[in-house]
Structure formats: structure tokens, C-alpha cells
């Protein structure tokens, strides 16, 4: 398996919001998919996240729609709520509650940092979950759209497990 990594701000992954930035990302991903002739477009996202998004007008994921247009496979790789429970990964809301910040109108910068530090403790589990999903797809060439903060970590995980990987873009910006 050869995995081509594209790091993004997750907001660019959602389709239906016709902002200049999402249009630019759609065009970029279409071009990269065509250029590299991948058999699978995968992403750190799941259908639950699409349904729950706070972004206006979202109808799906850009990667999923491009895969459909190109008649290739698509794969959501991020664990669902049920899978997170099985893996022992708390939600952000659960972490906020555990730290005693539930009910606050907003978090201070320090509180937000504490929540982020707690979330990062579970990154290894999530990244291993993504790898397992990708490996089980057994496609020759894959594009994996992932949060920019995970790109380098995930490349190391792929390489350590004997998979060829390349970072196409560490942090895509329009």
C-alpha cells in the first residue's frame, strides 16, 4: 500500500458549503486524485461527524463525492461514537466534564489547552484505528485526508508498519 497524505483543517472536508475555500479544496483534491490515479480516497471523518457538524449547508464530504465521481472507493476512517467507547476514547464533551468545566459558557485559554492535552493522550489509539481501516482496504494507492496536526505522526506510524507513505501537503491552505 502506498499512502499519500494530505493534511487539512477539517472544515475544508465538508461538502455543501460553497465557500471559496471549500471549492478550492474540492478542485485540489480532484486534481491530486486524477494525477496520482489512486484507488481509494480515505479521510479522518465519519458520517456522524458530518451529520453533527456546525457548518451551514453541509451535505456530505468532499472526498466521498469526488470518489463517487471518479468511480473509486471511499472510506471514512475516524471512529464513530460507539467505536470510540469500545476503544476507550472519550469525546471532547466527556473530557470537559471530567475536568470540571461542564456548564461553563466558554473555556479560558488555559482550560482549552488542558482539554487539548487530554484529547492528545488518545491520539495513538485513533491513529492505529485509522491504520487498521486503511490496511484492511488493501488498495494499492490511497489518498488519506487527515487533520494537519496528525500528518507527520501518521506518516511515522505508516512507515513503522512497512507501508510506503508520502506527505503531499502537510497543511493544505487555499
N, C-alpha and C. Protein backbone atom coordinates (compact mmCIF):
# COMPACT_ATOMS: atom_id res chain seq x y z
N UNK A 1 0.84 -1.18 0.00
CA UNK A 1 0.00 0.00 0.00
C UNK A 1 0.89 1.24 0.00
N UNK A 2 0.56 2.18 -0.86
CA UNK A 2 1.20 3.49 -0.84
C UNK A 2 0.15 4.50 -0.41
N UNK A 3 0.46 5.22 0.67
CA UNK A 3 -0.49 6.16 1.23
C UNK A 3 0.03 7.59 1.04
N UNK A 4 -0.74 8.38 0.31
CA UNK A 4 -0.42 9.78 0.07
C UNK A 4 -1.21 10.62 1.06
N UNK A 5 -0.53 11.41 1.88
CA UNK A 5 -1.17 12.14 2.96
C UNK A 5 -1.39 13.61 2.61
N UNK A 6 -2.58 14.08 2.94
CA UNK A 6 -2.92 15.49 2.77
C UNK A 6 -3.44 15.99 4.12
N UNK A 7 -2.70 16.90 4.72
CA UNK A 7 -3.11 17.49 5.99
C UNK A 7 -4.02 18.68 5.75
N UNK A 8 -5.10 18.76 6.52
CA UNK A 8 -6.08 19.84 6.33
C UNK A 8 -6.62 20.35 7.67
N UNK A 9 -7.25 21.49 7.59
CA UNK A 9 -8.17 21.95 8.61
C UNK A 9 -9.46 21.20 8.29
N UNK A 10 -10.06 20.52 9.25
CA UNK A 10 -11.21 19.66 8.95
C UNK A 10 -12.38 20.40 8.31
N UNK A 11 -12.49 21.68 8.52
CA UNK A 11 -13.58 22.44 7.92
C UNK A 11 -13.61 22.36 6.41
N UNK A 12 -12.47 22.13 5.79
CA UNK A 12 -12.42 22.04 4.33
C UNK A 12 -12.97 20.72 3.80
N UNK A 13 -13.16 19.73 4.66
CA UNK A 13 -13.61 18.41 4.21
C UNK A 13 -15.10 18.34 3.92
N UNK A 14 -15.86 19.26 4.45
CA UNK A 14 -17.32 19.20 4.35
C UNK A 14 -17.83 19.79 3.04
N UNK A 15 -18.66 19.02 2.34
CA UNK A 15 -19.24 19.47 1.07
C UNK A 15 -20.60 20.10 1.32
N UNK A 16 -20.98 21.00 0.44
CA UNK A 16 -22.27 21.66 0.54
C UNK A 16 -22.14 23.12 0.92
N UNK A 17 -21.05 23.46 1.56
CA UNK A 17 -20.75 24.84 1.87
C UNK A 17 -19.92 25.38 0.71
N UNK A 18 -20.50 26.19 -0.11
CA UNK A 18 -19.84 26.63 -1.33
C UNK A 18 -18.95 27.86 -1.12
N UNK A 19 -18.15 27.83 -0.08
CA UNK A 19 -17.20 28.93 0.13
C UNK A 19 -16.06 28.80 -0.87
N UNK A 20 -15.35 29.87 -1.06
CA UNK A 20 -14.20 29.88 -1.97
C UNK A 20 -13.19 28.83 -1.53
N UNK A 21 -12.99 28.69 -0.21
CA UNK A 21 -12.01 27.75 0.32
C UNK A 21 -12.40 26.29 0.05
N UNK A 22 -13.67 25.94 0.26
CA UNK A 22 -14.07 24.55 0.02
C UNK A 22 -14.07 24.23 -1.47
N UNK A 23 -14.40 25.20 -2.29
CA UNK A 23 -14.31 24.99 -3.75
C UNK A 23 -12.86 24.75 -4.15
N UNK A 24 -11.95 25.53 -3.57
CA UNK A 24 -10.52 25.36 -3.87
C UNK A 24 -10.04 23.98 -3.42
N UNK A 25 -10.49 23.53 -2.23
CA UNK A 25 -10.07 22.21 -1.75
C UNK A 25 -10.64 21.11 -2.65
N UNK A 26 -11.89 21.24 -3.04
CA UNK A 26 -12.51 20.25 -3.94
C UNK A 26 -11.70 20.15 -5.23
N UNK A 27 -11.35 21.28 -5.83
CA UNK A 27 -10.58 21.29 -7.07
C UNK A 27 -9.20 20.68 -6.87
N UNK A 28 -8.56 21.01 -5.75
CA UNK A 28 -7.24 20.47 -5.43
C UNK A 28 -7.30 18.95 -5.30
N UNK A 29 -8.27 18.46 -4.52
CA UNK A 29 -8.37 17.02 -4.28
C UNK A 29 -8.70 16.26 -5.57
N UNK A 30 -9.57 16.83 -6.38
CA UNK A 30 -9.89 16.22 -7.68
C UNK A 30 -8.63 16.08 -8.54
N UNK A 31 -7.85 17.15 -8.58
CA UNK A 31 -6.62 17.16 -9.38
C UNK A 31 -5.61 16.13 -8.87
N UNK A 32 -5.42 16.08 -7.55
CA UNK A 32 -4.46 15.14 -6.96
C UNK A 32 -4.92 13.69 -7.19
N UNK A 33 -6.20 13.45 -7.01
CA UNK A 33 -6.74 12.10 -7.23
C UNK A 33 -6.50 11.66 -8.66
N UNK A 34 -6.76 12.53 -9.60
CA UNK A 34 -6.58 12.20 -11.01
C UNK A 34 -5.10 12.02 -11.35
N UNK A 35 -4.27 12.92 -10.88
CA UNK A 35 -2.83 12.87 -11.16
C UNK A 35 -2.19 11.59 -10.65
N UNK A 36 -2.55 11.19 -9.44
CA UNK A 36 -1.93 10.02 -8.81
C UNK A 36 -2.68 8.71 -9.07
N UNK A 37 -3.83 8.80 -9.70
CA UNK A 37 -4.60 7.61 -10.05
C UNK A 37 -4.79 6.66 -8.87
N UNK A 38 -5.28 7.20 -7.78
CA UNK A 38 -5.49 6.39 -6.58
C UNK A 38 -6.76 5.55 -6.72
N UNK A 39 -6.80 4.46 -5.98
CA UNK A 39 -7.96 3.58 -5.99
C UNK A 39 -8.87 3.82 -4.79
N UNK A 40 -8.40 4.62 -3.82
CA UNK A 40 -9.18 4.85 -2.61
C UNK A 40 -8.92 6.26 -2.09
N UNK A 41 -10.00 6.98 -1.81
CA UNK A 41 -9.93 8.27 -1.11
C UNK A 41 -10.45 8.01 0.30
N UNK A 42 -9.57 8.16 1.29
CA UNK A 42 -9.95 7.91 2.68
C UNK A 42 -9.77 9.21 3.46
N UNK A 43 -10.45 9.28 4.59
CA UNK A 43 -10.35 10.51 5.36
C UNK A 43 -10.63 10.30 6.84
N UNK A 44 -10.02 11.17 7.63
CA UNK A 44 -10.28 11.24 9.06
C UNK A 44 -11.60 11.99 9.23
N UNK A 45 -12.67 11.25 9.16
CA UNK A 45 -14.02 11.79 9.25
C UNK A 45 -14.96 10.59 9.33
N UNK A 46 -16.18 10.80 9.78
CA UNK A 46 -17.19 9.75 9.72
C UNK A 46 -18.55 10.38 9.50
N UNK A 47 -19.52 9.55 9.18
CA UNK A 47 -20.85 10.07 8.83
C UNK A 47 -21.52 10.76 10.01
N UNK A 48 -21.23 10.32 11.23
CA UNK A 48 -21.78 11.00 12.41
C UNK A 48 -21.29 12.44 12.50
N UNK A 49 -20.01 12.64 12.24
CA UNK A 49 -19.45 13.99 12.30
C UNK A 49 -20.07 14.88 11.23
N UNK A 50 -20.35 14.31 10.08
CA UNK A 50 -20.98 15.08 9.00
C UNK A 50 -22.38 15.52 9.43
N UNK A 51 -23.12 14.61 10.04
CA UNK A 51 -24.49 14.94 10.48
C UNK A 51 -24.50 15.96 11.61
N UNK A 52 -23.49 15.94 12.47
CA UNK A 52 -23.45 16.81 13.64
C UNK A 52 -22.71 18.13 13.41
N UNK A 53 -22.17 18.33 12.23
CA UNK A 53 -21.32 19.49 12.02
C UNK A 53 -22.07 20.80 12.27
N UNK A 54 -21.31 21.78 12.69
CA UNK A 54 -21.87 23.12 12.93
C UNK A 54 -21.79 23.99 11.67
N UNK A 55 -21.18 23.45 10.63
CA UNK A 55 -21.05 24.21 9.38
C UNK A 55 -22.39 24.25 8.64
N UNK A 56 -22.73 25.38 8.13
CA UNK A 56 -24.01 25.61 7.44
C UNK A 56 -24.03 24.92 6.07
N UNK A 57 -25.13 24.25 5.75
CA UNK A 57 -25.36 23.72 4.40
C UNK A 57 -24.61 22.45 4.05
N UNK A 58 -24.02 21.76 5.00
CA UNK A 58 -23.22 20.56 4.72
C UNK A 58 -24.12 19.42 4.26
N UNK A 59 -23.71 18.79 3.16
CA UNK A 59 -24.46 17.67 2.59
C UNK A 59 -23.66 16.37 2.58
N UNK A 60 -22.39 16.44 2.89
CA UNK A 60 -21.54 15.25 2.86
C UNK A 60 -20.08 15.64 2.95
N UNK A 61 -19.24 14.78 2.44
CA UNK A 61 -17.80 15.07 2.45
C UNK A 61 -17.32 15.23 1.01
N UNK A 62 -16.40 16.15 0.85
CA UNK A 62 -15.83 16.41 -0.48
C UNK A 62 -15.14 15.16 -1.01
N UNK A 63 -14.34 14.50 -0.17
CA UNK A 63 -13.62 13.31 -0.61
C UNK A 63 -14.59 12.21 -1.07
N UNK A 64 -15.66 12.02 -0.32
CA UNK A 64 -16.64 10.99 -0.68
C UNK A 64 -17.29 11.31 -2.03
N UNK A 65 -17.63 12.56 -2.25
CA UNK A 65 -18.25 12.94 -3.51
C UNK A 65 -17.28 12.85 -4.69
N UNK A 66 -16.03 13.19 -4.47
CA UNK A 66 -15.03 13.05 -5.54
C UNK A 66 -14.81 11.58 -5.87
N UNK A 67 -14.76 10.73 -4.84
CA UNK A 67 -14.60 9.29 -5.07
C UNK A 67 -15.76 8.75 -5.90
N UNK A 68 -16.95 9.20 -5.57
CA UNK A 68 -18.14 8.75 -6.33
C UNK A 68 -18.02 9.20 -7.79
N UNK A 69 -17.65 10.46 -8.02
CA UNK A 69 -17.48 10.98 -9.39
C UNK A 69 -16.44 10.19 -10.17
N UNK A 70 -15.34 9.83 -9.49
CA UNK A 70 -14.23 9.13 -10.14
C UNK A 70 -14.44 7.62 -10.18
N UNK A 71 -15.54 7.15 -9.58
CA UNK A 71 -15.85 5.73 -9.53
C UNK A 71 -14.74 4.92 -8.86
N UNK A 72 -14.28 5.45 -7.71
CA UNK A 72 -13.30 4.75 -6.90
C UNK A 72 -13.86 4.61 -5.48
N UNK A 73 -13.18 3.84 -4.68
CA UNK A 73 -13.63 3.59 -3.31
C UNK A 73 -13.40 4.81 -2.42
N UNK A 74 -14.23 4.90 -1.39
CA UNK A 74 -14.10 5.93 -0.37
C UNK A 74 -14.21 5.25 1.00
N UNK A 75 -13.50 5.80 1.98
CA UNK A 75 -13.53 5.21 3.31
C UNK A 75 -13.46 6.29 4.38
N UNK A 76 -14.45 6.29 5.28
CA UNK A 76 -14.38 7.12 6.48
C UNK A 76 -13.55 6.33 7.50
N UNK A 77 -12.53 6.95 8.07
CA UNK A 77 -11.63 6.21 8.96
C UNK A 77 -11.73 6.58 10.43
N UNK A 78 -12.36 7.70 10.78
CA UNK A 78 -12.41 8.09 12.18
C UNK A 78 -13.47 7.26 12.91
N UNK A 79 -13.18 6.85 14.14
CA UNK A 79 -14.15 6.01 14.86
C UNK A 79 -15.45 6.75 15.17
N UNK A 80 -16.55 6.03 15.08
CA UNK A 80 -17.86 6.56 15.47
C UNK A 80 -17.92 6.62 17.00
N UNK A 81 -19.01 7.16 17.53
CA UNK A 81 -19.16 7.23 18.98
C UNK A 81 -19.11 5.84 19.61
N UNK A 82 -19.79 4.87 19.01
CA UNK A 82 -19.77 3.51 19.55
C UNK A 82 -18.36 2.92 19.50
N UNK A 83 -17.66 3.14 18.39
CA UNK A 83 -16.29 2.64 18.27
C UNK A 83 -15.37 3.34 19.27
N UNK A 84 -15.57 4.63 19.48
CA UNK A 84 -14.78 5.36 20.48
C UNK A 84 -14.97 4.74 21.86
N UNK A 85 -16.21 4.41 22.21
CA UNK A 85 -16.48 3.79 23.51
C UNK A 85 -15.74 2.47 23.62
N UNK A 86 -15.81 1.65 22.55
CA UNK A 86 -15.12 0.35 22.56
C UNK A 86 -13.61 0.53 22.71
N UNK A 87 -13.08 1.59 22.12
CA UNK A 87 -11.64 1.86 22.16
C UNK A 87 -11.21 2.60 23.43
N UNK A 88 -12.18 3.09 24.20
CA UNK A 88 -11.86 3.84 25.41
C UNK A 88 -11.46 5.28 25.15
N UNK A 89 -11.93 5.85 24.04
CA UNK A 89 -11.61 7.23 23.69
C UNK A 89 -12.78 8.13 24.08
N UNK A 90 -12.58 9.01 25.07
CA UNK A 90 -13.67 9.90 25.45
C UNK A 90 -13.90 11.00 24.42
N UNK A 91 -15.13 11.51 24.37
CA UNK A 91 -15.43 12.65 23.50
C UNK A 91 -14.87 13.92 24.15
N UNK A 92 -14.79 14.97 23.38
CA UNK A 92 -14.35 16.26 23.92
C UNK A 92 -15.27 16.68 25.08
N UNK A 93 -16.57 16.47 24.90
CA UNK A 93 -17.54 16.83 25.94
C UNK A 93 -17.29 16.05 27.22
N UNK A 94 -16.95 14.76 27.09
CA UNK A 94 -16.65 13.95 28.27
C UNK A 94 -15.40 14.43 28.97
N UNK A 95 -14.41 14.85 28.21
CA UNK A 95 -13.17 15.38 28.80
C UNK A 95 -13.46 16.69 29.52
N UNK A 96 -14.26 17.56 28.89
CA UNK A 96 -14.63 18.83 29.51
C UNK A 96 -15.32 18.55 30.85
N UNK A 97 -16.23 17.59 30.86
CA UNK A 97 -16.94 17.26 32.10
C UNK A 97 -15.99 16.69 33.15
N UNK A 98 -15.12 15.78 32.73
CA UNK A 98 -14.18 15.15 33.65
C UNK A 98 -13.25 16.18 34.30
N UNK A 99 -12.91 17.22 33.53
CA UNK A 99 -12.03 18.28 34.06
C UNK A 99 -12.80 19.30 34.90
N UNK A 100 -14.13 19.14 34.97
CA UNK A 100 -14.93 20.04 35.80
C UNK A 100 -15.34 21.33 35.13
N UNK A 101 -15.31 21.35 33.79
CA UNK A 101 -15.63 22.58 33.06
C UNK A 101 -17.01 22.57 32.42
N UNK A 102 -17.77 21.50 32.66
CA UNK A 102 -19.10 21.41 32.05
C UNK A 102 -19.99 22.54 32.57
N UNK A 103 -20.75 23.12 31.66
CA UNK A 103 -21.68 24.17 32.05
C UNK A 103 -21.10 25.57 31.97
N UNK A 104 -19.80 25.67 31.77
CA UNK A 104 -19.21 27.00 31.61
C UNK A 104 -19.61 27.58 30.26
N UNK A 105 -19.88 28.88 30.19
CA UNK A 105 -20.29 29.47 28.90
C UNK A 105 -19.19 29.36 27.84
N UNK A 106 -17.95 29.43 28.26
CA UNK A 106 -16.82 29.20 27.35
C UNK A 106 -15.61 28.86 28.19
N UNK A 107 -14.62 28.25 27.55
CA UNK A 107 -13.41 27.87 28.25
C UNK A 107 -12.37 28.97 28.13
N UNK A 108 -11.58 29.15 29.18
CA UNK A 108 -10.46 30.08 29.09
C UNK A 108 -9.40 29.43 28.21
N UNK A 109 -8.42 30.19 27.84
CA UNK A 109 -7.32 29.66 27.02
C UNK A 109 -6.64 28.50 27.74
N UNK A 110 -6.39 28.66 29.03
CA UNK A 110 -5.73 27.60 29.80
C UNK A 110 -6.61 26.35 29.87
N UNK A 111 -7.91 26.52 30.08
CA UNK A 111 -8.82 25.38 30.14
C UNK A 111 -8.87 24.66 28.79
N UNK A 112 -8.92 25.43 27.70
CA UNK A 112 -8.92 24.84 26.37
C UNK A 112 -7.65 24.04 26.11
N UNK A 113 -6.53 24.57 26.60
CA UNK A 113 -5.25 23.86 26.46
C UNK A 113 -5.28 22.55 27.24
N UNK A 114 -5.84 22.58 28.45
CA UNK A 114 -5.94 21.36 29.25
C UNK A 114 -6.78 20.31 28.55
N UNK A 115 -7.89 20.73 27.94
CA UNK A 115 -8.76 19.80 27.21
C UNK A 115 -7.98 19.20 26.03
N UNK A 116 -7.27 20.04 25.29
CA UNK A 116 -6.48 19.56 24.14
C UNK A 116 -5.41 18.56 24.56
N UNK A 117 -4.75 18.83 25.67
CA UNK A 117 -3.73 17.91 26.18
C UNK A 117 -4.35 16.55 26.49
N UNK A 118 -5.53 16.55 27.11
CA UNK A 118 -6.23 15.29 27.41
C UNK A 118 -6.62 14.56 26.12
N UNK A 119 -7.12 15.30 25.13
CA UNK A 119 -7.51 14.67 23.85
C UNK A 119 -6.31 14.00 23.20
N UNK A 120 -5.16 14.66 23.26
CA UNK A 120 -3.95 14.13 22.61
C UNK A 120 -3.48 12.81 23.22
N UNK A 121 -3.87 12.55 24.45
CA UNK A 121 -3.49 11.29 25.09
C UNK A 121 -4.09 10.08 24.37
N UNK A 122 -5.11 10.31 23.57
CA UNK A 122 -5.80 9.22 22.86
C UNK A 122 -5.46 9.18 21.37
N UNK A 123 -4.57 10.04 20.93
CA UNK A 123 -4.23 10.08 19.50
C UNK A 123 -3.64 8.76 19.01
N UNK A 124 -2.77 8.14 19.80
CA UNK A 124 -2.16 6.88 19.36
C UNK A 124 -3.24 5.84 19.04
N UNK A 125 -4.26 5.77 19.87
CA UNK A 125 -5.35 4.79 19.67
C UNK A 125 -6.11 5.12 18.38
N UNK A 126 -6.45 6.39 18.20
CA UNK A 126 -7.19 6.79 16.99
C UNK A 126 -6.35 6.53 15.74
N UNK A 127 -5.09 6.91 15.77
CA UNK A 127 -4.24 6.74 14.59
C UNK A 127 -4.06 5.27 14.24
N UNK A 128 -3.95 4.42 15.23
CA UNK A 128 -3.86 2.97 14.99
C UNK A 128 -5.17 2.47 14.37
N UNK A 129 -6.30 3.00 14.83
CA UNK A 129 -7.61 2.65 14.27
C UNK A 129 -7.65 3.01 12.78
N UNK A 130 -7.17 4.22 12.43
CA UNK A 130 -7.14 4.63 11.01
C UNK A 130 -6.28 3.67 10.20
N UNK A 131 -5.10 3.35 10.73
CA UNK A 131 -4.19 2.44 10.02
C UNK A 131 -4.86 1.09 9.78
N UNK A 132 -5.50 0.55 10.80
CA UNK A 132 -6.17 -0.74 10.65
C UNK A 132 -7.25 -0.67 9.56
N UNK A 133 -8.00 0.42 9.52
CA UNK A 133 -9.04 0.55 8.48
C UNK A 133 -8.41 0.64 7.09
N UNK A 134 -7.32 1.40 6.96
CA UNK A 134 -6.67 1.53 5.66
C UNK A 134 -6.07 0.21 5.20
N UNK A 135 -5.39 -0.47 6.09
CA UNK A 135 -4.74 -1.74 5.74
C UNK A 135 -5.79 -2.77 5.33
N UNK A 136 -6.93 -2.77 6.00
CA UNK A 136 -7.95 -3.76 5.66
C UNK A 136 -8.58 -3.49 4.29
N UNK A 137 -8.39 -2.28 3.76
CA UNK A 137 -8.95 -1.97 2.44
C UNK A 137 -8.12 -2.56 1.32
N UNK A 138 -6.86 -2.86 1.59
CA UNK A 138 -5.94 -3.49 0.63
C UNK A 138 -5.92 -2.84 -0.75
N UNK A 139 -5.96 -1.53 -0.79
CA UNK A 139 -5.84 -0.82 -2.06
C UNK A 139 -4.36 -0.52 -2.31
N UNK A 140 -4.01 -0.48 -3.57
CA UNK A 140 -2.61 -0.25 -3.93
C UNK A 140 -2.16 1.17 -3.62
N UNK A 141 -2.99 2.14 -4.01
CA UNK A 141 -2.63 3.54 -3.82
C UNK A 141 -3.80 4.28 -3.19
N UNK A 142 -3.50 4.98 -2.09
CA UNK A 142 -4.52 5.63 -1.28
C UNK A 142 -4.16 7.09 -1.06
N UNK A 143 -5.17 7.96 -1.06
CA UNK A 143 -5.01 9.31 -0.52
C UNK A 143 -5.74 9.29 0.81
N UNK A 144 -5.06 9.77 1.85
CA UNK A 144 -5.67 9.89 3.17
C UNK A 144 -5.67 11.36 3.56
N UNK A 145 -6.87 11.93 3.71
CA UNK A 145 -7.04 13.31 4.13
C UNK A 145 -7.17 13.27 5.66
N UNK A 146 -6.27 13.96 6.32
CA UNK A 146 -6.17 13.87 7.78
C UNK A 146 -5.90 15.25 8.36
N UNK A 147 -6.28 15.45 9.60
CA UNK A 147 -6.00 16.72 10.26
C UNK A 147 -4.52 17.03 10.20
N UNK A 148 -4.19 18.27 9.90
CA UNK A 148 -2.80 18.68 9.72
C UNK A 148 -1.93 18.33 10.94
N UNK A 149 -2.50 18.34 12.13
CA UNK A 149 -1.72 18.04 13.33
C UNK A 149 -1.33 16.56 13.42
N UNK A 150 -1.93 15.71 12.59
CA UNK A 150 -1.64 14.27 12.61
C UNK A 150 -0.72 13.82 11.47
N UNK A 151 -0.49 14.66 10.48
CA UNK A 151 0.20 14.21 9.26
C UNK A 151 1.54 13.56 9.55
N UNK A 152 2.41 14.24 10.24
CA UNK A 152 3.76 13.70 10.48
C UNK A 152 3.72 12.47 11.38
N UNK A 153 2.89 12.49 12.40
CA UNK A 153 2.74 11.34 13.30
C UNK A 153 2.25 10.12 12.53
N UNK A 154 1.25 10.34 11.66
CA UNK A 154 0.67 9.21 10.93
C UNK A 154 1.65 8.66 9.90
N UNK A 155 2.44 9.53 9.29
CA UNK A 155 3.46 9.06 8.36
C UNK A 155 4.44 8.12 9.07
N UNK A 156 4.86 8.51 10.27
CA UNK A 156 5.77 7.67 11.05
C UNK A 156 5.11 6.32 11.34
N UNK A 157 3.85 6.32 11.73
CA UNK A 157 3.13 5.06 12.01
C UNK A 157 3.06 4.18 10.76
N UNK A 158 2.74 4.78 9.62
CA UNK A 158 2.71 4.02 8.37
C UNK A 158 4.08 3.41 8.07
N UNK A 159 5.11 4.24 8.15
CA UNK A 159 6.46 3.78 7.84
C UNK A 159 6.91 2.67 8.79
N UNK A 160 6.61 2.83 10.09
CA UNK A 160 6.99 1.82 11.09
C UNK A 160 6.30 0.48 10.83
N UNK A 161 5.17 0.52 10.15
CA UNK A 161 4.42 -0.71 9.87
C UNK A 161 4.64 -1.21 8.45
N UNK A 162 5.69 -0.73 7.79
CA UNK A 162 6.10 -1.25 6.50
C UNK A 162 5.32 -0.76 5.30
N UNK A 163 4.62 0.36 5.44
CA UNK A 163 3.85 0.91 4.34
C UNK A 163 4.56 2.14 3.77
N UNK A 164 4.55 2.24 2.46
CA UNK A 164 5.16 3.38 1.79
C UNK A 164 4.20 4.56 1.95
N UNK A 165 4.73 5.68 2.38
CA UNK A 165 3.88 6.85 2.54
C UNK A 165 4.62 8.11 2.10
N UNK A 166 3.83 9.10 1.75
CA UNK A 166 4.40 10.37 1.30
C UNK A 166 3.44 11.48 1.72
N UNK A 167 3.99 12.52 2.30
CA UNK A 167 3.18 13.69 2.62
C UNK A 167 3.12 14.55 1.38
N UNK A 168 1.92 14.64 0.78
CA UNK A 168 1.76 15.51 -0.39
C UNK A 168 1.66 16.97 0.05
N UNK A 169 0.89 17.20 1.10
CA UNK A 169 0.75 18.55 1.67
C UNK A 169 0.63 18.40 3.17
N UNK A 170 1.51 19.07 3.89
CA UNK A 170 1.49 18.97 5.35
C UNK A 170 0.28 19.71 5.94
N UNK A 171 -0.02 20.86 5.40
CA UNK A 171 -1.16 21.65 5.89
C UNK A 171 -1.72 22.44 4.72
N UNK A 172 -2.71 21.84 4.03
CA UNK A 172 -3.28 22.48 2.85
C UNK A 172 -3.98 23.78 3.21
N UNK A 173 -3.70 24.79 2.42
CA UNK A 173 -4.38 26.09 2.58
C UNK A 173 -4.74 26.59 1.20
N UNK A 174 -5.87 27.28 1.11
CA UNK A 174 -6.31 27.81 -0.21
C UNK A 174 -5.34 28.87 -0.73
